[in-house]
Amino acid sequence: MSLIKNLIVLFKGVHKLSYSLKNFGLILFLLASISGSAQEEAAQISLSNNYVFEGNSLVNENFIEAEKKYRLAVSAKQNNAVGSYNLGNAYYKSELYDEAMLRHLEAINNSGLKLEKHKAYHNIGNTLMRQKRCKEAVSAYKNALRNSPSDDESRYNLALAQELSLIHISEPTRLRRIS
């Protein structure tokens, strides 16, 4: 009888060891997968940042080539806020304001940093001012200041947008009274 008990105890021990080895193998597989995806993400970020750098070097001389590089940066790493932000700036300089606004909104959505969000909101405010959409620009500058309360340029632009939005509101009223 004791032989049977010893065999049962031995079998249970082997079974536990087998179970532990399976868990160990699973843990090794998961660690390898995580490491592989982290390396892949690092490569995507590096490639995307290289495209941003190339776009930055071209933006003043050749908008079309710079736009290509920025688009490649965004496609290499979808949530690269810097690529979207710089593409938005390139569009702004080329007076493509709707595209600039879309790219700056994309940068805000992709960024976790308050400074990046501040800069994008500030530039959205500038874009809206260029389009004479002063009330909306007020909101954008307020969002910029929420992300960087000490920025004097955003504060100045906010005051200007508020003042101009009052002028734009009162102008149609005056025109109706005169005619």
Foldseek 3Di string as FASTA:
>chain_A
DVVVVVVVVVVVVVVVVVVVVVVVVVVVVVVVVVVVVVVLVVVLQVQLVVLQVVLVVCLVPDLVSSLVSLVVSCVSPVLPLSSLQVNLVSCVVVVVLVSSLVSLVSSLVSDPALQSVLVSLQVNLVSCVVVVNLVVSLVSLVSSCVSPVVDPVSVVSNVVSVVSVVVVVCVVVVVVVVD
